[in-house]
Every structure is written in structure tokens, then in C-alpha cells.
Amino acid sequence: QVQLVESGGGLVQPGGSLRLSCAASGSAFSLNFAAWYRQAPGKQRELVASITVAGGGDIKYYGESAKGRFAISRDNANNTVFLQMNNLTPEDTGVYSCYFNLRTTIRNEQYWGQGTQVTVSS
């Protein structure tokens, strides 16, 4: 069993930056894939960024709204995944949730964090 906890959200002015963290705890695991999703008021949940862990090197993906401004990364132990958000706009406002697809000793498993609020406003 693994638990994910997001942190780093808050209120920031347009043009500002924020760094979100998704920390995993519990059973030992190897990370296969992680992603950040955003749920904005009145909108569908959308994929913001993802990272695929592969032997040939990590593969990163960004939604169109995040390209050039956001960066996803992970720590060496694969216990924490980060989302660096720069040049924020009010359109970035929403609840950001992390998702892990991981491998434990015996099987692949999937987990979601409960989300952290990001509000971009002047």
C-alpha cells in the first residue's frame, strides 16, 4: 500500500511561480509513470504533465497549456515527483492532483493523491 500526498499549492500572483510536490510513502516500489492533473472550476480534469520512467531515460510530456512554463521531475529514489510552474496565469487555477503507476514487489499498482489547490490571482 502506497499513499500520495501533494503539497506546495497556494495563492500566487500572475507571473509568479509555484513548485508542487507529490510525496509517496508506504510500501517499497519502483515508479513506472507519474502525472499531474488539473481540475479547474467548471472544467473537465486535464493532464498537465507526465513522466515515464524508462531505461533509456525519462520521457516527459506536457499539455499545450504547460509547454514552456512547467517542468515535471522526480527525485532519485522515485519517492517524490515535482511540478515546477512558472509564469503562472489565472487559467492555471485549479486543484492539482498527482497520479502514480508503480511496481511493488509483486505487481503494478495505481494511486492518486487528494489534490492541492493552486489559485493564480492578483
C-alpha atoms as a PDB file:
ATOM      1  CA  GLN A   1       0.000   0.000   0.000  1.00  0.00           C
ATOM      2  CA  VAL A   2       1.270   3.426  -1.010  1.00  0.00           C
ATOM      3  CA  GLN A   3      -0.002   6.850  -0.052  1.00  0.00           C
ATOM      4  CA  LEU A   4       0.452  10.029  -2.096  1.00  0.00           C
ATOM      5  CA  VAL A   5       0.339  13.494  -0.570  1.00  0.00           C
ATOM      6  CA  GLU A   6       0.517  16.685  -2.608  1.00  0.00           C
ATOM      7  CA  SER A   7       1.884  19.924  -1.230  1.00  0.00           C
ATOM      8  CA  GLY A   8       3.083  23.313  -2.412  1.00  0.00           C
ATOM      9  CA  GLY A   9      -0.172  24.783  -3.611  1.00  0.00           C
ATOM     10  CA  GLY A  10      -1.414  28.188  -2.612  1.00  0.00           C
ATOM     11  CA  LEU A  11      -2.196  31.692  -3.787  1.00  0.00           C
ATOM     12  CA  VAL A  12       0.199  33.288  -6.240  1.00  0.00           C
ATOM     13  CA  GLN A  13       0.096  36.398  -8.419  1.00  0.00           C
ATOM     14  CA  PRO A  14       0.051  36.188 -12.209  1.00  0.00           C
ATOM     15  CA  GLY A  15       3.580  35.779 -13.487  1.00  0.00           C
ATOM     16  CA  GLY A  16       4.664  34.090 -10.298  1.00  0.00           C
ATOM     17  CA  SER A  17       5.972  30.599  -9.718  1.00  0.00           C
ATOM     18  CA  LEU A  18       4.990  27.635  -7.627  1.00  0.00           C
ATOM     19  CA  ARG A  19       6.544  24.227  -7.033  1.00  0.00           C
ATOM     20  CA  LEU A  20       4.235  21.324  -6.283  1.00  0.00           C
ATOM     21  CA  SER A  21       5.383  18.110  -4.650  1.00  0.00           C
ATOM     22  CA  CYS A  22       3.830  14.669  -4.599  1.00  0.00           C
ATOM     23  CA  ALA A  23       5.404  12.555  -1.882  1.00  0.00           C
ATOM     24  CA  ALA A  24       4.873   8.812  -1.665  1.00  0.00           C
ATOM     25  CA  SER A  25       5.093   6.712   1.462  1.00  0.00           C
ATOM     26  CA  GLY A  26       4.320   3.164   2.500  1.00  0.00           C
ATOM     27  CA  SER A  27       5.365   0.051   0.634  1.00  0.00           C
ATOM     28  CA  ALA A  28       8.564  -0.073  -1.348  1.00  0.00           C
ATOM     29  CA  PHE A  29       8.088   0.428  -5.069  1.00  0.00           C
ATOM     30  CA  SER A  30       9.599   1.376  -8.382  1.00  0.00           C
ATOM     31  CA  LEU A  31       7.938   4.170 -10.315  1.00  0.00           C
ATOM     32  CA  ASN A  32       6.717   3.391 -13.812  1.00  0.00           C
ATOM     33  CA  PHE A  33       4.811   6.573 -14.638  1.00  0.00           C
ATOM     34  CA  ALA A  34       3.619   9.683 -12.849  1.00  0.00           C
ATOM     35  CA  ALA A  35       1.392  12.537 -13.873  1.00  0.00           C
ATOM     36  CA  TRP A  36      -0.097  15.799 -12.694  1.00  0.00           C
ATOM     37  CA  TYR A  37      -3.732  16.575 -13.466  1.00  0.00           C
ATOM     38  CA  ARG A  38      -5.656  19.803 -13.016  1.00  0.00           C
ATOM     39  CA  GLN A  39      -9.329  20.193 -12.201  1.00  0.00           C
ATOM     40  CA  ALA A  40     -10.447  23.756 -12.805  1.00  0.00           C
ATOM     41  CA  PRO A  41     -13.868  25.102 -11.758  1.00  0.00           C
ATOM     42  CA  GLY A  42     -16.473  24.248 -14.363  1.00  0.00           C
ATOM     43  CA  LYS A  43     -13.980  22.338 -16.484  1.00  0.00           C
ATOM     44  CA  GLN A  44     -13.020  18.736 -17.060  1.00  0.00           C
ATOM     45  CA  ARG A  45      -9.930  17.309 -15.436  1.00  0.00           C
ATOM     46  CA  GLU A  46      -6.967  17.618 -17.780  1.00  0.00           C
ATOM     47  CA  LEU A  47      -3.492  16.174 -17.972  1.00  0.00           C
ATOM     48  CA  VAL A  48      -0.900  18.839 -17.255  1.00  0.00           C
ATOM     49  CA  ALA A  49       2.339  16.863 -17.312  1.00  0.00           C
ATOM     50  CA  SER A  50       3.613  13.322 -17.061  1.00  0.00           C
ATOM     51  CA  ILE A  51       6.863  11.463 -16.713  1.00  0.00           C
ATOM     52  CA  THR A  52       7.570   7.927 -17.855  1.00  0.00           C
ATOM     53  CA  VAL A  53      10.494   6.149 -16.223  1.00  0.00           C
ATOM     54  CA  ALA A  54      12.385   4.108 -18.780  1.00  0.00           C
ATOM     55  CA  GLY A  55      15.818   2.534 -19.018  1.00  0.00           C
ATOM     56  CA  GLY A  56      16.739   4.788 -21.897  1.00  0.00           C
ATOM     57  CA  GLY A  57      15.886   7.907 -19.914  1.00  0.00           C
ATOM     58  CA  ASP A  58      12.794   9.620 -18.582  1.00  0.00           C
ATOM     59  CA  ILE A  59      10.150  10.615 -21.090  1.00  0.00           C
ATOM     60  CA  LYS A  60       8.273  13.799 -20.252  1.00  0.00           C
ATOM     61  CA  TYR A  61       5.025  15.064 -21.674  1.00  0.00           C
ATOM     62  CA  TYR A  62       3.320  18.419 -21.263  1.00  0.00           C
ATOM     63  CA  GLY A  63      -0.127  19.582 -22.146  1.00  0.00           C
ATOM     64  CA  GLU A  64      -0.259  22.519 -24.518  1.00  0.00           C
ATOM     65  CA  SER A  65      -1.055  24.970 -21.730  1.00  0.00           C
ATOM     66  CA  ALA A  66       2.005  23.841 -19.783  1.00  0.00           C
ATOM     67  CA  LYS A  67       4.648  23.695 -22.503  1.00  0.00           C
ATOM     68  CA  GLY A  68       7.459  26.149 -21.973  1.00  0.00           C
ATOM     69  CA  ARG A  69       6.267  27.102 -18.487  1.00  0.00           C
ATOM     70  CA  PHE A  70       6.015  23.926 -16.423  1.00  0.00           C
ATOM     71  CA  ALA A  71       8.560  21.215 -15.685  1.00  0.00           C
ATOM     72  CA  ILE A  72       7.972  17.796 -14.190  1.00  0.00           C
ATOM     73  CA  SER A  73      10.749  15.980 -12.366  1.00  0.00           C
ATOM     74  CA  ARG A  74      11.381  13.260  -9.810  1.00  0.00           C
ATOM     75  CA  ASP A  75      13.864  12.541  -7.070  1.00  0.00           C
ATOM     76  CA  ASN A  76      16.433   9.778  -7.371  1.00  0.00           C
ATOM     77  CA  ALA A  77      14.551   7.417  -5.066  1.00  0.00           C
ATOM     78  CA  ASN A  78      11.302   7.922  -7.013  1.00  0.00           C
ATOM     79  CA  ASN A  79       9.553   8.820  -3.782  1.00  0.00           C
ATOM     80  CA  THR A  80       8.643  12.335  -4.842  1.00  0.00           C
ATOM     81  CA  VAL A  81       7.516  13.890  -8.100  1.00  0.00           C
ATOM     82  CA  PHE A  82       7.595  17.645  -8.586  1.00  0.00           C
ATOM     83  CA  LEU A  83       5.870  20.125 -10.832  1.00  0.00           C
ATOM     84  CA  GLN A  84       7.651  23.442 -11.254  1.00  0.00           C
ATOM     85  CA  MET A  85       5.190  26.028 -12.524  1.00  0.00           C
ATOM     86  CA  ASN A  86       6.478  29.338 -13.861  1.00  0.00           C
ATOM     87  CA  ASN A  87       4.846  32.398 -15.384  1.00  0.00           C
ATOM     88  CA  LEU A  88       1.508  31.424 -13.911  1.00  0.00           C
ATOM     89  CA  THR A  89      -1.752  32.822 -15.213  1.00  0.00           C
ATOM     90  CA  PRO A  90      -5.306  32.734 -13.822  1.00  0.00           C
ATOM     91  CA  GLU A  91      -6.020  29.940 -16.311  1.00  0.00           C
ATOM     92  CA  ASP A  92      -3.699  27.736 -14.255  1.00  0.00           C
ATOM     93  CA  THR A  93      -6.038  27.925 -11.269  1.00  0.00           C
ATOM     94  CA  GLY A  94      -7.425  24.603 -10.091  1.00  0.00           C
ATOM     95  CA  VAL A  95      -6.888  21.565  -7.933  1.00  0.00           C
ATOM     96  CA  TYR A  96      -3.722  19.740  -8.925  1.00  0.00           C
ATOM     97  CA  SER A  97      -3.640  16.002  -8.266  1.00  0.00           C
ATOM     98  CA  CYS A  98      -0.805  13.572  -8.771  1.00  0.00           C
ATOM     99  CA  TYR A  99      -1.050  10.041 -10.082  1.00  0.00           C
ATOM    100  CA  PHE A 100       1.475   7.216  -9.769  1.00  0.00           C
ATOM    101  CA  ASN A 101       1.628   3.989 -11.693  1.00  0.00           C
ATOM    102  CA  LEU A 102       4.178   1.917  -9.826  1.00  0.00           C
ATOM    103  CA  ARG A 103       5.597  -1.525  -9.327  1.00  0.00           C
ATOM    104  CA  THR A 104       5.696  -3.103  -5.885  1.00  0.00           C
ATOM    105  CA  THR A 105       7.380  -6.378  -5.030  1.00  0.00           C
ATOM    106  CA  ILE A 106       4.597  -8.368  -6.639  1.00  0.00           C
ATOM    107  CA  ARG A 107       2.550  -6.231  -9.016  1.00  0.00           C
ATOM    108  CA  ASN A 108       1.807  -2.931 -10.710  1.00  0.00           C
ATOM    109  CA  GLU A 109      -0.475  -0.573  -8.798  1.00  0.00           C
ATOM    110  CA  GLN A 110      -2.054   2.843  -9.290  1.00  0.00           C
ATOM    111  CA  TYR A 111      -2.552   5.656  -6.785  1.00  0.00           C
ATOM    112  CA  TRP A 112      -3.963   9.175  -6.654  1.00  0.00           C
ATOM    113  CA  GLY A 113      -3.264  11.985  -4.255  1.00  0.00           C
ATOM    114  CA  GLN A 114      -6.152  14.043  -2.927  1.00  0.00           C
ATOM    115  CA  GLY A 115      -5.002  17.243  -4.576  1.00  0.00           C
ATOM    116  CA  THR A 116      -3.627  20.654  -3.720  1.00  0.00           C
ATOM    117  CA  GLN A 117      -5.278  23.958  -4.583  1.00  0.00           C
ATOM    118  CA  VAL A 118      -3.485  26.424  -6.826  1.00  0.00           C
ATOM    119  CA  THR A 119      -5.000  29.874  -7.183  1.00  0.00           C
ATOM    120  CA  VAL A 120      -3.480  32.458  -9.511  1.00  0.00           C
ATOM    121  CA  SER A 121      -4.932  35.876  -8.862  1.00  0.00           C
ATOM    122  CA  SER A 122      -3.839  39.465  -8.449  1.00  0.00           C
END
